[in-house]
Amino acid sequence: MRVLLAAGTTDTALIEGISAAGASPELMAHTPAADAEILAYGEPTRAPVTPVSPTGCPTPAAVTRAVRETVGFDIAIVDAGLAEPTTAPTVGIGDVAPGADVREDEAVSDAGAIFDRAHGYGTSLPDDDLLIGETIPGGTTTALGVLTALGEPIGVSSSLPENPLEHKRRVVDEGLAASDLEPGACAGAPLEAIRAVGDPVQPTVAGVAAGALESGTGVTLAGGTQMIAVAALLRHAGVDAPLSIATTSFVADERGDDLEAACERLDCELTVTDPGFADHERDHVAMNRYCAGEAKEGVAMGGALSLVPDGQMADVRNQFETVCSRLGIDAEQGGQHDDEECGGD
């Protein structure tokens, strides 16, 4: 099994109150690079930030890395608009720039070209099965943007304990107005939706998925409502191949029946995995913060957890403690990085 991570940035994340992926714009720009390094090496190597909240909530990359250290899987990291460099080995699909603020008239001006190049890469992958994840601060807002532009009545989750959904809707409304579009105007035109109110990770993931499916590879979109948005983009592009969504119990707890209804609407198989943090034999601040509603998903966390064989989730939890210690997170007192916040959106 190969886990592919699309890592990128969007200026939409800089809108106040949208993302919990960094305490400042300067640090937020490094979050996807840090996530890629944690997935590849177990800790940041070049990125000057470890995405850990003041309350001790680590980026979902820490969970995905713990799964990798426990059960093993190959990785590929695609540069889907990184604003800052990373030492993690990355695949380039041409020059992909960070996304603009969705409130501008164009958020991803070259969405079609990105999709085409990613599609070519997807068709070249030799795997029988592929699990695709993402890391992009602000990604649930851009997900809501494309869903609204496509006319899909689907909400989104948040890495914040309280989802600022109405704020996100106002931002999306401003973005559609700036692009002279009404909700639903891009039905059947997914690349136009991305161009107007999306982000560069979306055409990357959609392109890779479409190419892989075309070549006979089984594709699982590893994530929550951001991957629901990608599934919608694929369906609106006429891709009708079997498609799976794998996410965490934390997203499912927040979105409830909405998540199941969205997967049914988009004809996607849904897998929800509970890492059992609430049942861990030792009290650990990182697990407690996930149970309190922080982070929830990202960096292929839900998909990686779905790979854990029966009986090995306790091993993953123990390894997660090890990864947290490596990242400077004290089990009882929380993170040492007091000015940082959780990765994801």
C-alpha atoms as a PDB file:
ATOM      1  CA  MET A   1       0.000   0.000   0.000  1.00  0.00           C
ATOM      2  CA  ARG A   2       1.234   3.467  -0.881  1.00  0.00           C
ATOM      3  CA  VAL A   3       0.097   6.556   1.007  1.00  0.00           C
ATOM      4  CA  LEU A   4       0.334   9.668  -1.143  1.00  0.00           C
ATOM      5  CA  LEU A   5       0.301  13.052   0.572  1.00  0.00           C
ATOM      6  CA  ALA A   6      -0.510  16.218  -1.374  1.00  0.00           C
ATOM      7  CA  ALA A   7       0.990  19.185   0.504  1.00  0.00           C
ATOM      8  CA  GLY A   8       0.162  22.785  -0.326  1.00  0.00           C
ATOM      9  CA  THR A   9      -0.900  26.199   0.892  1.00  0.00           C
ATOM     10  CA  THR A  10      -3.569  28.799   0.223  1.00  0.00           C
ATOM     11  CA  ASP A  11      -3.815  32.434   1.274  1.00  0.00           C
ATOM     12  CA  THR A  12      -7.377  31.649   2.343  1.00  0.00           C
ATOM     13  CA  ALA A  13      -5.835  30.262   5.540  1.00  0.00           C
ATOM     14  CA  LEU A  14      -4.655  33.772   6.434  1.00  0.00           C
ATOM     15  CA  ILE A  15      -8.220  34.993   6.924  1.00  0.00           C
ATOM     16  CA  GLU A  16      -8.679  35.540  10.644  1.00  0.00           C
ATOM     17  CA  GLY A  17     -10.641  32.814  12.389  1.00  0.00           C
ATOM     18  CA  ILE A  18     -10.499  30.332   9.481  1.00  0.00           C
ATOM     19  CA  SER A  19      -7.658  27.957  10.325  1.00  0.00           C
ATOM     20  CA  ALA A  20      -6.017  26.520  13.435  1.00  0.00           C
ATOM     21  CA  ALA A  21      -2.897  25.472  11.556  1.00  0.00           C
ATOM     22  CA  GLY A  22      -0.523  28.065  13.013  1.00  0.00           C
ATOM     23  CA  ALA A  23      -0.329  30.892  15.478  1.00  0.00           C
ATOM     24  CA  SER A  24       0.975  33.347  12.884  1.00  0.00           C
ATOM     25  CA  PRO A  25       1.046  33.585   9.068  1.00  0.00           C
ATOM     26  CA  GLU A  26       4.787  32.980   9.096  1.00  0.00           C
ATOM     27  CA  LEU A  27       4.441  29.734  11.042  1.00  0.00           C
ATOM     28  CA  MET A  28       1.308  28.598   9.195  1.00  0.00           C
ATOM     29  CA  ALA A  29       3.164  28.631   5.899  1.00  0.00           C
ATOM     30  CA  HIS A  30       5.578  26.027   7.299  1.00  0.00           C
ATOM     31  CA  THR A  31       2.892  23.628   8.575  1.00  0.00           C
ATOM     32  CA  PRO A  32       2.539  21.481   5.396  1.00  0.00           C
ATOM     33  CA  ALA A  33       6.326  21.239   5.079  1.00  0.00           C
ATOM     34  CA  ALA A  34       6.568  20.157   8.719  1.00  0.00           C
ATOM     35  CA  ASP A  35       3.780  17.610   8.220  1.00  0.00           C
ATOM     36  CA  ALA A  36       5.643  16.125   5.255  1.00  0.00           C
ATOM     37  CA  GLU A  37       8.845  15.849   7.297  1.00  0.00           C
ATOM     38  CA  ILE A  38       7.062  14.221  10.232  1.00  0.00           C
ATOM     39  CA  LEU A  39       5.494  11.677   7.880  1.00  0.00           C
ATOM     40  CA  ALA A  40       8.837  10.999   6.200  1.00  0.00           C
ATOM     41  CA  TYR A  41      11.265  11.188   9.136  1.00  0.00           C
ATOM     42  CA  GLY A  42       9.238  11.219  12.345  1.00  0.00           C
ATOM     43  CA  GLU A  43      10.011  14.845  13.209  1.00  0.00           C
ATOM     44  CA  PRO A  44      10.601  18.206  11.491  1.00  0.00           C
ATOM     45  CA  THR A  45      14.064  18.506  10.012  1.00  0.00           C
ATOM     46  CA  ARG A  46      14.096  21.811   8.141  1.00  0.00           C
ATOM     47  CA  ALA A  47      10.717  23.312   9.031  1.00  0.00           C
ATOM     48  CA  PRO A  48      11.131  25.695  11.983  1.00  0.00           C
ATOM     49  CA  VAL A  49       7.812  24.692  13.498  1.00  0.00           C
ATOM     50  CA  THR A  50       6.368  21.605  15.132  1.00  0.00           C
ATOM     51  CA  PRO A  51       2.599  21.927  14.725  1.00  0.00           C
ATOM     52  CA  VAL A  52       1.503  21.445  18.336  1.00  0.00           C
ATOM     53  CA  SER A  53      -1.171  23.475  20.105  1.00  0.00           C
ATOM     54  CA  PRO A  54      -0.706  25.221  23.432  1.00  0.00           C
ATOM     55  CA  THR A  55      -3.039  22.575  24.860  1.00  0.00           C
ATOM     56  CA  GLY A  56      -0.847  19.746  23.581  1.00  0.00           C
ATOM     57  CA  CYS A  57      -2.692  18.749  20.389  1.00  0.00           C
ATOM     58  CA  PRO A  58      -0.207  17.588  17.746  1.00  0.00           C
ATOM     59  CA  THR A  59      -0.732  17.674  14.023  1.00  0.00           C
ATOM     60  CA  PRO A  60      -2.468  14.562  12.621  1.00  0.00           C
ATOM     61  CA  ALA A  61       0.868  13.825  10.950  1.00  0.00           C
ATOM     62  CA  ALA A  62       1.958  12.433  14.319  1.00  0.00           C
ATOM     63  CA  VAL A  63      -0.819   9.835  14.227  1.00  0.00           C
ATOM     64  CA  THR A  64      -0.107   8.891  10.614  1.00  0.00           C
ATOM     65  CA  ARG A  65       3.590   8.556  11.429  1.00  0.00           C
ATOM     66  CA  ALA A  66       2.764   6.339  14.422  1.00  0.00           C
ATOM     67  CA  VAL A  67       0.774   4.050  12.130  1.00  0.00           C
ATOM     68  CA  ARG A  68       3.662   3.978   9.651  1.00  0.00           C
ATOM     69  CA  GLU A  69       6.120   3.037  12.392  1.00  0.00           C
ATOM     70  CA  THR A  70       3.768   0.305  13.602  1.00  0.00           C
ATOM     71  CA  VAL A  71       2.481  -1.396  10.446  1.00  0.00           C
ATOM     72  CA  GLY A  72       4.625   0.123   7.681  1.00  0.00           C
ATOM     73  CA  PHE A  73       3.626   1.593   4.330  1.00  0.00           C
ATOM     74  CA  ASP A  74       5.330   3.334   1.423  1.00  0.00           C
ATOM     75  CA  ILE A  75       4.855   7.071   0.960  1.00  0.00           C
ATOM     76  CA  ALA A  76       4.929   9.614  -1.839  1.00  0.00           C
ATOM     77  CA  ILE A  77       4.691  13.337  -1.127  1.00  0.00           C
ATOM     78  CA  VAL A  78       3.530  15.629  -3.913  1.00  0.00           C
ATOM     79  CA  ASP A  79       4.347  19.333  -3.904  1.00  0.00           C
ATOM     80  CA  ALA A  80       0.894  20.787  -4.447  1.00  0.00           C
ATOM     81  CA  GLY A  81       1.738  24.434  -3.855  1.00  0.00           C
ATOM     82  CA  LEU A  82       4.100  24.516  -0.880  1.00  0.00           C
ATOM     83  CA  ALA A  83       4.922  28.052   0.215  1.00  0.00           C
ATOM     84  CA  GLU A  84       8.021  26.927   2.123  1.00  0.00           C
ATOM     85  CA  PRO A  85      10.571  24.217   1.229  1.00  0.00           C
ATOM     86  CA  THR A  86      10.778  20.853   2.909  1.00  0.00           C
ATOM     87  CA  THR A  87      13.522  18.261   3.245  1.00  0.00           C
ATOM     88  CA  ALA A  88      10.976  15.487   2.767  1.00  0.00           C
ATOM     89  CA  PRO A  89      11.358  13.814  -0.638  1.00  0.00           C
ATOM     90  CA  THR A  90       8.729  15.292  -2.918  1.00  0.00           C
ATOM     91  CA  VAL A  91       7.328  14.564  -6.341  1.00  0.00           C
ATOM     92  CA  GLY A  92       7.018  17.595  -8.591  1.00  0.00           C
ATOM     93  CA  ILE A  93       4.142  17.868 -11.057  1.00  0.00           C
ATOM     94  CA  GLY A  94       5.328  21.085 -12.619  1.00  0.00           C
ATOM     95  CA  ASP A  95       5.249  24.524 -11.073  1.00  0.00           C
ATOM     96  CA  VAL A  96       2.314  24.555  -8.646  1.00  0.00           C
ATOM     97  CA  ALA A  97       1.947  27.898  -6.885  1.00  0.00           C
ATOM     98  CA  PRO A  98       0.233  28.442  -3.542  1.00  0.00           C
ATOM     99  CA  GLY A  99      -3.457  29.257  -3.849  1.00  0.00           C
ATOM    100  CA  ALA A 100      -4.770  32.797  -3.634  1.00  0.00           C
ATOM    101  CA  ASP A 101      -7.415  34.018  -1.189  1.00  0.00           C
ATOM    102  CA  VAL A 102     -10.785  32.718  -2.433  1.00  0.00           C
ATOM    103  CA  ARG A 103     -12.145  36.251  -2.106  1.00  0.00           C
ATOM    104  CA  GLU A 104     -10.032  37.230  -5.109  1.00  0.00           C
ATOM    105  CA  ASP A 105     -11.435  36.706  -8.597  1.00  0.00           C
ATOM    106  CA  GLU A 106      -9.212  33.633  -9.136  1.00  0.00           C
ATOM    107  CA  ALA A 107      -8.054  31.304  -6.376  1.00  0.00           C
ATOM    108  CA  VAL A 108      -6.222  28.756  -8.577  1.00  0.00           C
ATOM    109  CA  SER A 109      -5.712  30.234 -12.029  1.00  0.00           C
ATOM    110  CA  ASP A 110      -4.085  27.097 -13.490  1.00  0.00           C
ATOM    111  CA  ALA A 111      -6.396  24.476 -11.989  1.00  0.00           C
ATOM    112  CA  GLY A 112      -6.815  22.696 -15.328  1.00  0.00           C
ATOM    113  CA  ALA A 113      -3.087  22.414 -15.971  1.00  0.00           C
ATOM    114  CA  ILE A 114      -2.456  21.103 -12.443  1.00  0.00           C
ATOM    115  CA  PHE A 115      -5.181  18.494 -12.875  1.00  0.00           C
ATOM    116  CA  ASP A 116      -3.765  17.334 -16.211  1.00  0.00           C
ATOM    117  CA  ARG A 117      -0.223  16.939 -14.873  1.00  0.00           C
ATOM    118  CA  ALA A 118      -1.455  15.174 -11.739  1.00  0.00           C
ATOM    119  CA  HIS A 119      -3.583  12.880 -13.901  1.00  0.00           C
ATOM    120  CA  GLY A 120      -0.493  11.858 -15.854  1.00  0.00           C
ATOM    121  CA  TYR A 121       1.349  11.094 -12.632  1.00  0.00           C
ATOM    122  CA  GLY A 122      -1.604   9.078 -11.340  1.00  0.00           C
ATOM    123  CA  THR A 123      -1.671   6.879 -14.426  1.00  0.00           C
ATOM    124  CA  SER A 124       2.042   6.096 -13.963  1.00  0.00           C
ATOM    125  CA  LEU A 125       1.732   4.696 -10.436  1.00  0.00           C
ATOM    126  CA  PRO A 126       2.309   0.921 -10.263  1.00  0.00           C
ATOM    127  CA  ASP A 127       0.223   0.274  -7.156  1.00  0.00           C
ATOM    128  CA  ASP A 128      -2.829  -1.955  -6.937  1.00  0.00           C
ATOM    129  CA  ASP A 129      -4.233   0.310  -4.225  1.00  0.00           C
ATOM    130  CA  LEU A 130      -3.532   3.938  -3.375  1.00  0.00           C
ATOM    131  CA  LEU A 131      -4.476   5.969  -0.321  1.00  0.00           C
ATOM    132  CA  ILE A 132      -4.394   9.749  -0.874  1.00  0.00           C
ATOM    133  CA  GLY A 133      -4.226  12.343   1.918  1.00  0.00           C
ATOM    134  CA  GLU A 134      -3.644  16.082   2.155  1.00  0.00           C
ATOM    135  CA  THR A 135      -2.167  18.827   4.272  1.00  0.00           C
ATOM    136  CA  ILE A 136      -3.234  22.405   3.591  1.00  0.00           C
ATOM    137  CA  PRO A 137      -4.211  25.007   6.189  1.00  0.00           C
ATOM    138  CA  GLY A 138      -7.545  26.566   5.284  1.00  0.00           C
ATOM    139  CA  GLY A 139      -8.576  23.455   3.367  1.00  0.00           C
ATOM    140  CA  THR A 140     -12.047  23.016   4.823  1.00  0.00           C
ATOM    141  CA  THR A 141     -12.957  26.551   3.739  1.00  0.00           C
ATOM    142  CA  THR A 142     -11.846  25.915   0.167  1.00  0.00           C
ATOM    143  CA  ALA A 143     -13.654  22.573   0.351  1.00  0.00           C
ATOM    144  CA  LEU A 144     -16.834  24.422   1.272  1.00  0.00           C
ATOM    145  CA  GLY A 145     -16.096  26.791  -1.611  1.00  0.00           C
ATOM    146  CA  VAL A 146     -16.015  24.113  -4.291  1.00  0.00           C
ATOM    147  CA  LEU A 147     -18.957  22.223  -2.799  1.00  0.00           C
ATOM    148  CA  THR A 148     -21.023  25.406  -2.881  1.00  0.00           C
ATOM    149  CA  ALA A 149     -19.902  26.260  -6.413  1.00  0.00           C
ATOM    150  CA  LEU A 150     -20.842  22.738  -7.524  1.00  0.00           C
ATOM    151  CA  GLY A 151     -24.254  23.036  -5.880  1.00  0.00           C
ATOM    152  CA  GLU A 152     -23.596  20.218  -3.413  1.00  0.00           C
ATOM    153  CA  PRO A 153     -25.562  20.639  -0.142  1.00  0.00           C
ATOM    154  CA  ILE A 154     -22.728  19.342   2.021  1.00  0.00           C
ATOM    155  CA  GLY A 155     -21.124  21.000   5.045  1.00  0.00           C
ATOM    156  CA  VAL A 156     -17.534  20.739   6.261  1.00  0.00           C
ATOM    157  CA  SER A 157     -15.721  20.010   9.502  1.00  0.00           C
ATOM    158  CA  SER A 158     -12.996  21.983  11.292  1.00  0.00           C
ATOM    159  CA  SER A 159      -9.825  21.403  13.297  1.00  0.00           C
ATOM    160  CA  LEU A 160     -11.229  23.818  15.862  1.00  0.00           C
ATOM    161  CA  PRO A 161     -13.415  22.408  18.672  1.00  0.00           C
ATOM    162  CA  GLU A 162     -16.109  24.903  17.609  1.00  0.00           C
ATOM    163  CA  ASN A 163     -16.546  24.867  13.842  1.00  0.00           C
ATOM    164  CA  PRO A 164     -16.760  28.487  12.493  1.00  0.00           C
ATOM    165  CA  LEU A 165     -19.036  27.285   9.694  1.00  0.00           C
ATOM    166  CA  GLU A 166     -21.011  30.512   9.294  1.00  0.00           C
ATOM    167  CA  HIS A 167     -17.760  32.481   9.009  1.00  0.00           C
ATOM    168  CA  LYS A 168     -16.585  30.071   6.308  1.00  0.00           C
ATOM    169  CA  ARG A 169     -19.877  30.465   4.457  1.00  0.00           C
ATOM    170  CA  ARG A 170     -19.498  34.245   4.468  1.00  0.00           C
ATOM    171  CA  VAL A 171     -15.979  33.920   3.070  1.00  0.00           C
ATOM    172  CA  VAL A 172     -17.217  31.555   0.348  1.00  0.00           C
ATOM    173  CA  ASP A 173     -20.071  33.904  -0.520  1.00  0.00           C
ATOM    174  CA  GLU A 174     -17.565  36.734  -0.940  1.00  0.00           C
ATOM    175  CA  GLY A 175     -15.402  34.499  -3.099  1.00  0.00           C
ATOM    176  CA  LEU A 176     -18.253  33.504  -5.380  1.00  0.00           C
ATOM    177  CA  ALA A 177     -19.294  37.130  -5.721  1.00  0.00           C
ATOM    178  CA  ALA A 178     -15.718  38.133  -6.612  1.00  0.00           C
ATOM    179  CA  SER A 179     -15.771  35.475  -9.358  1.00  0.00           C
ATOM    180  CA  ASP A 180     -19.245  36.586 -10.503  1.00  0.00           C
ATOM    181  CA  LEU A 181     -20.712  33.180  -9.689  1.00  0.00           C
ATOM    182  CA  GLU A 182     -23.846  31.953  -7.958  1.00  0.00           C
ATOM    183  CA  PRO A 183     -23.994  28.795  -5.807  1.00  0.00           C
ATOM    184  CA  GLY A 184     -24.287  25.811  -8.121  1.00  0.00           C
ATOM    185  CA  ALA A 185     -23.002  27.729 -11.138  1.00  0.00           C
ATOM    186  CA  CYS A 186     -20.122  25.265 -11.588  1.00  0.00           C
ATOM    187  CA  ALA A 187     -22.199  22.075 -11.585  1.00  0.00           C
ATOM    188  CA  GLY A 188     -20.534  19.803 -14.129  1.00  0.00           C
ATOM    189  CA  ALA A 189     -17.539  22.166 -14.343  1.00  0.00           C
ATOM    190  CA  PRO A 190     -15.307  21.141 -11.404  1.00  0.00           C
ATOM    191  CA  LEU A 191     -12.128  22.826 -12.608  1.00  0.00           C
ATOM    192  CA  GLU A 192     -13.976  26.117 -12.852  1.00  0.00           C
ATOM    193  CA  ALA A 193     -15.089  25.666  -9.232  1.00  0.00           C
ATOM    194  CA  ILE A 194     -11.468  25.144  -8.157  1.00  0.00           C
ATOM    195  CA  ARG A 195     -10.284  28.080 -10.221  1.00  0.00           C
ATOM    196  CA  ALA A 196     -12.790  30.363  -8.520  1.00  0.00           C
ATOM    197  CA  VAL A 197     -12.893  29.250  -4.876  1.00  0.00           C
ATOM    198  CA  GLY A 198     -10.611  26.237  -4.447  1.00  0.00           C
ATOM    199  CA  ASP A 199      -6.984  25.490  -3.601  1.00  0.00           C
ATOM    200  CA  PRO A 200      -4.096  23.797  -5.471  1.00  0.00           C
ATOM    201  CA  VAL A 201      -4.281  20.586  -3.443  1.00  0.00           C
ATOM    202  CA  GLN A 202      -7.740  19.880  -4.880  1.00  0.00           C
ATOM    203  CA  PRO A 203      -6.782  19.553  -8.583  1.00  0.00           C
ATOM    204  CA  THR A 204      -3.660  17.651  -7.493  1.00  0.00           C
ATOM    205  CA  VAL A 205      -5.588  15.042  -5.518  1.00  0.00           C
ATOM    206  CA  ALA A 206      -8.432  14.872  -8.034  1.00  0.00           C
ATOM    207  CA  GLY A 207      -5.986  14.496 -10.925  1.00  0.00           C
ATOM    208  CA  VAL A 208      -3.925  11.786  -9.259  1.00  0.00           C
ATOM    209  CA  ALA A 209      -7.087   9.937  -8.238  1.00  0.00           C
ATOM    210  CA  ALA A 210      -8.621  10.163 -11.715  1.00  0.00           C
ATOM    211  CA  GLY A 211      -5.425   8.940 -13.369  1.00  0.00           C
ATOM    212  CA  ALA A 212      -4.968   6.085 -10.913  1.00  0.00           C
ATOM    213  CA  LEU A 213      -8.583   4.977 -11.260  1.00  0.00           C
ATOM    214  CA  GLU A 214      -8.269   5.091 -15.037  1.00  0.00           C
ATOM    215  CA  SER A 215      -5.290   2.730 -14.865  1.00  0.00           C
ATOM    216  CA  GLY A 216      -7.127   0.258 -12.635  1.00  0.00           C
ATOM    217  CA  THR A 217      -5.727   1.264  -9.249  1.00  0.00           C
ATOM    218  CA  GLY A 218      -8.100   1.210  -6.294  1.00  0.00           C
ATOM    219  CA  VAL A 219      -8.283   4.664  -4.696  1.00  0.00           C
ATOM    220  CA  THR A 220      -9.156   5.619  -1.145  1.00  0.00           C
ATOM    221  CA  LEU A 221      -9.398   9.320  -0.336  1.00  0.00           C
ATOM    222  CA  ALA A 222      -7.955   9.569   3.173  1.00  0.00           C
ATOM    223  CA  GLY A 223      -9.572  12.456   4.992  1.00  0.00           C
ATOM    224  CA  GLY A 224     -12.814  14.024   6.032  1.00  0.00           C
ATOM    225  CA  THR A 225     -14.895  16.692   4.394  1.00  0.00           C
ATOM    226  CA  GLN A 226     -11.964  17.947   2.314  1.00  0.00           C
ATOM    227  CA  MET A 227     -11.898  14.558   0.610  1.00  0.00           C
ATOM    228  CA  ILE A 228     -15.684  14.630   0.266  1.00  0.00           C
ATOM    229  CA  ALA A 229     -15.101  17.799  -1.777  1.00  0.00           C
ATOM    230  CA  VAL A 230     -12.545  15.971  -3.949  1.00  0.00           C
ATOM    231  CA  ALA A 231     -15.028  13.126  -4.449  1.00  0.00           C
ATOM    232  CA  ALA A 232     -17.610  15.684  -5.566  1.00  0.00           C
ATOM    233  CA  LEU A 233     -15.110  17.180  -8.008  1.00  0.00           C
ATOM    234  CA  LEU A 234     -14.436  13.740  -9.472  1.00  0.00           C
ATOM    235  CA  ARG A 235     -18.112  12.914  -9.840  1.00  0.00           C
ATOM    236  CA  HIS A 236     -18.782  16.265 -11.511  1.00  0.00           C
ATOM    237  CA  ALA A 237     -15.876  15.482 -13.861  1.00  0.00           C
ATOM    238  CA  GLY A 238     -17.680  12.320 -14.949  1.00  0.00           C
ATOM    239  CA  VAL A 239     -15.461   9.890 -13.030  1.00  0.00           C
ATOM    240  CA  ASP A 240     -17.828   7.091 -12.004  1.00  0.00           C
ATOM    241  CA  ALA A 241     -15.309   4.453 -10.887  1.00  0.00           C
ATOM    242  CA  PRO A 242     -15.643   2.970  -7.372  1.00  0.00           C
ATOM    243  CA  LEU A 243     -14.260   5.383  -4.790  1.00  0.00           C
ATOM    244  CA  SER A 244     -13.721   5.110  -1.038  1.00  0.00           C
ATOM    245  CA  ILE A 245     -13.475   7.672   1.755  1.00  0.00           C
ATOM    246  CA  ALA A 246     -11.595   6.760   4.945  1.00  0.00           C
ATOM    247  CA  THR A 247     -11.760   9.136   7.892  1.00  0.00           C
ATOM    248  CA  THR A 248     -11.620   9.269  11.674  1.00  0.00           C
ATOM    249  CA  SER A 249     -14.299   8.840  14.289  1.00  0.00           C
ATOM    250  CA  PHE A 250     -13.598  12.456  15.295  1.00  0.00           C
ATOM    251  CA  VAL A 251     -14.894  13.754  11.951  1.00  0.00           C
ATOM    252  CA  ALA A 252     -17.794  11.313  12.027  1.00  0.00           C
ATOM    253  CA  ASP A 253     -18.735  12.470  15.525  1.00  0.00           C
ATOM    254  CA  GLU A 254     -18.842  16.091  14.367  1.00  0.00           C
ATOM    255  CA  ARG A 255     -20.604  15.617  11.028  1.00  0.00           C
ATOM    256  CA  GLY A 256     -22.828  12.691  12.049  1.00  0.00           C
ATOM    257  CA  ASP A 257     -25.425  11.678   9.497  1.00  0.00           C
ATOM    258  CA  ASP A 258     -24.210  14.430   7.143  1.00  0.00           C
ATOM    259  CA  LEU A 259     -21.037  12.475   6.421  1.00  0.00           C
ATOM    260  CA  GLU A 260     -22.894   9.277   5.589  1.00  0.00           C
ATOM    261  CA  ALA A 261     -25.414  11.163   3.472  1.00  0.00           C
ATOM    262  CA  ALA A 262     -22.632  12.888   1.528  1.00  0.00           C
ATOM    263  CA  CYS A 263     -20.918   9.573   0.785  1.00  0.00           C
ATOM    264  CA  GLU A 264     -24.205   8.060  -0.307  1.00  0.00           C
ATOM    265  CA  ARG A 265     -24.926  11.049  -2.524  1.00  0.00           C
ATOM    266  CA  LEU A 266     -21.493  10.749  -4.160  1.00  0.00           C
ATOM    267  CA  ASP A 267     -21.577   6.937  -4.325  1.00  0.00           C
ATOM    268  CA  CYS A 268     -18.515   6.505  -2.104  1.00  0.00           C
ATOM    269  CA  GLU A 269     -17.835   3.713   0.333  1.00  0.00           C
ATOM    270  CA  LEU A 270     -17.189   5.146   3.814  1.00  0.00           C
ATOM    271  CA  THR A 271     -14.780   3.744   6.392  1.00  0.00           C
ATOM    272  CA  VAL A 272     -14.621   5.345   9.848  1.00  0.00           C
ATOM    273  CA  THR A 273     -11.863   4.314  12.263  1.00  0.00           C
ATOM    274  CA  ASP A 274     -11.659   5.077  15.972  1.00  0.00           C
ATOM    275  CA  PRO A 275      -8.067   5.046  17.271  1.00  0.00           C
ATOM    276  CA  GLY A 276      -9.379   4.359  20.771  1.00  0.00           C
ATOM    277  CA  PHE A 277      -7.751   7.390  22.350  1.00  0.00           C
ATOM    278  CA  ALA A 278     -10.531   7.569  24.970  1.00  0.00           C
ATOM    279  CA  ASP A 279      -9.727   4.013  26.031  1.00  0.00           C
ATOM    280  CA  HIS A 280      -5.956   4.386  26.269  1.00  0.00           C
ATOM    281  CA  GLU A 281      -4.634   2.883  29.493  1.00  0.00           C
ATOM    282  CA  ARG A 282      -2.559   5.977  30.282  1.00  0.00           C
ATOM    283  CA  ASP A 283      -3.879   9.534  30.435  1.00  0.00           C
ATOM    284  CA  HIS A 284      -2.177  11.476  27.624  1.00  0.00           C
ATOM    285  CA  VAL A 285      -2.789  15.132  26.801  1.00  0.00           C
ATOM    286  CA  ALA A 286      -2.498  14.654  23.014  1.00  0.00           C
ATOM    287  CA  MET A 287      -5.130  11.940  22.948  1.00  0.00           C
ATOM    288  CA  ASN A 288      -7.348  13.967  25.260  1.00  0.00           C
ATOM    289  CA  ARG A 289      -7.201  16.969  22.917  1.00  0.00           C
ATOM    290  CA  TYR A 290      -8.284  14.860  19.953  1.00  0.00           C
ATOM    291  CA  CYS A 291     -11.175  13.533  22.024  1.00  0.00           C
ATOM    292  CA  ALA A 292     -12.070  17.146  22.873  1.00  0.00           C
ATOM    293  CA  GLY A 293     -12.489  17.945  19.171  1.00  0.00           C
ATOM    294  CA  GLU A 294      -9.161  19.438  18.146  1.00  0.00           C
ATOM    295  CA  ALA A 295      -7.507  18.572  14.805  1.00  0.00           C
ATOM    296  CA  LYS A 296      -9.832  15.601  13.997  1.00  0.00           C
ATOM    297  CA  GLU A 297      -8.263  14.706  10.636  1.00  0.00           C
ATOM    298  CA  GLY A 298      -5.549  15.496   8.104  1.00  0.00           C
ATOM    299  CA  VAL A 299      -2.291  14.127   6.679  1.00  0.00           C
ATOM    300  CA  ALA A 300      -4.127  10.886   5.748  1.00  0.00           C
ATOM    301  CA  MET A 301      -4.802  10.148   9.424  1.00  0.00           C
ATOM    302  CA  GLY A 302      -8.127   8.343   8.967  1.00  0.00           C
ATOM    303  CA  GLY A 303      -6.876   6.372   6.004  1.00  0.00           C
ATOM    304  CA  ALA A 304      -3.716   5.320   7.805  1.00  0.00           C
ATOM    305  CA  LEU A 305      -5.724   4.187  10.821  1.00  0.00           C
ATOM    306  CA  SER A 306      -7.896   2.072   8.535  1.00  0.00           C
ATOM    307  CA  LEU A 307      -4.774   0.081   7.606  1.00  0.00           C
ATOM    308  CA  VAL A 308      -4.182  -1.066  11.186  1.00  0.00           C
ATOM    309  CA  PRO A 309      -4.925  -4.793  11.551  1.00  0.00           C
ATOM    310  CA  ASP A 310      -7.314  -5.968  14.250  1.00  0.00           C
ATOM    311  CA  GLY A 311      -5.584  -6.151  17.599  1.00  0.00           C
ATOM    312  CA  GLN A 312      -2.823  -3.667  16.791  1.00  0.00           C
ATOM    313  CA  MET A 313      -4.480  -0.335  17.583  1.00  0.00           C
ATOM    314  CA  ALA A 314      -3.048  -0.406  21.123  1.00  0.00           C
ATOM    315  CA  ASP A 315       0.402  -0.665  19.544  1.00  0.00           C
ATOM    316  CA  VAL A 316      -0.395   2.415  17.443  1.00  0.00           C
ATOM    317  CA  ARG A 317      -1.446   4.341  20.545  1.00  0.00           C
ATOM    318  CA  ASN A 318       1.775   3.385  22.308  1.00  0.00           C
ATOM    319  CA  GLN A 319       3.803   4.425  19.260  1.00  0.00           C
ATOM    320  CA  PHE A 320       1.857   7.692  19.098  1.00  0.00           C
ATOM    321  CA  GLU A 321       3.125   8.437  22.607  1.00  0.00           C
ATOM    322  CA  THR A 322       6.649   7.815  21.337  1.00  0.00           C
ATOM    323  CA  VAL A 323       6.167  10.158  18.391  1.00  0.00           C
ATOM    324  CA  CYS A 324       4.685  12.814  20.693  1.00  0.00           C
ATOM    325  CA  SER A 325       7.690  12.562  22.999  1.00  0.00           C
ATOM    326  CA  ARG A 326       9.958  12.997  19.980  1.00  0.00           C
ATOM    327  CA  LEU A 327       7.990  16.134  19.087  1.00  0.00           C
ATOM    328  CA  GLY A 328       8.410  17.551  22.599  1.00  0.00           C
ATOM    329  CA  ILE A 329       4.907  16.876  23.888  1.00  0.00           C
ATOM    330  CA  ASP A 330       4.825  16.012  27.555  1.00  0.00           C
ATOM    331  CA  ALA A 331       2.156  13.398  28.293  1.00  0.00           C
ATOM    332  CA  GLU A 332       0.692  15.369  31.182  1.00  0.00           C
ATOM    333  CA  GLN A 333       1.530  19.010  30.585  1.00  0.00           C
ATOM    334  CA  GLY A 334       1.167  19.375  26.825  1.00  0.00           C
ATOM    335  CA  GLY A 335       3.450  20.842  24.217  1.00  0.00           C
ATOM    336  CA  GLN A 336       6.655  22.731  24.726  1.00  0.00           C
ATOM    337  CA  HIS A 337       5.846  24.803  21.643  1.00  0.00           C
ATOM    338  CA  ASP A 338       3.522  27.261  23.370  1.00  0.00           C
ATOM    339  CA  ASP A 339       3.050  29.575  20.410  1.00  0.00           C
ATOM    340  CA  GLU A 340       1.955  26.949  17.893  1.00  0.00           C
ATOM    341  CA  GLU A 341      -1.423  25.479  17.055  1.00  0.00           C
ATOM    342  CA  CYS A 342      -2.684  22.252  15.596  1.00  0.00           C
ATOM    343  CA  GLY A 343      -2.007  21.202  12.037  1.00  0.00           C
ATOM    344  CA  GLY A 344      -4.840  20.693   9.593  1.00  0.00           C
ATOM    345  CA  ASP A 345      -7.619  23.178   8.992  1.00  0.00           C
END
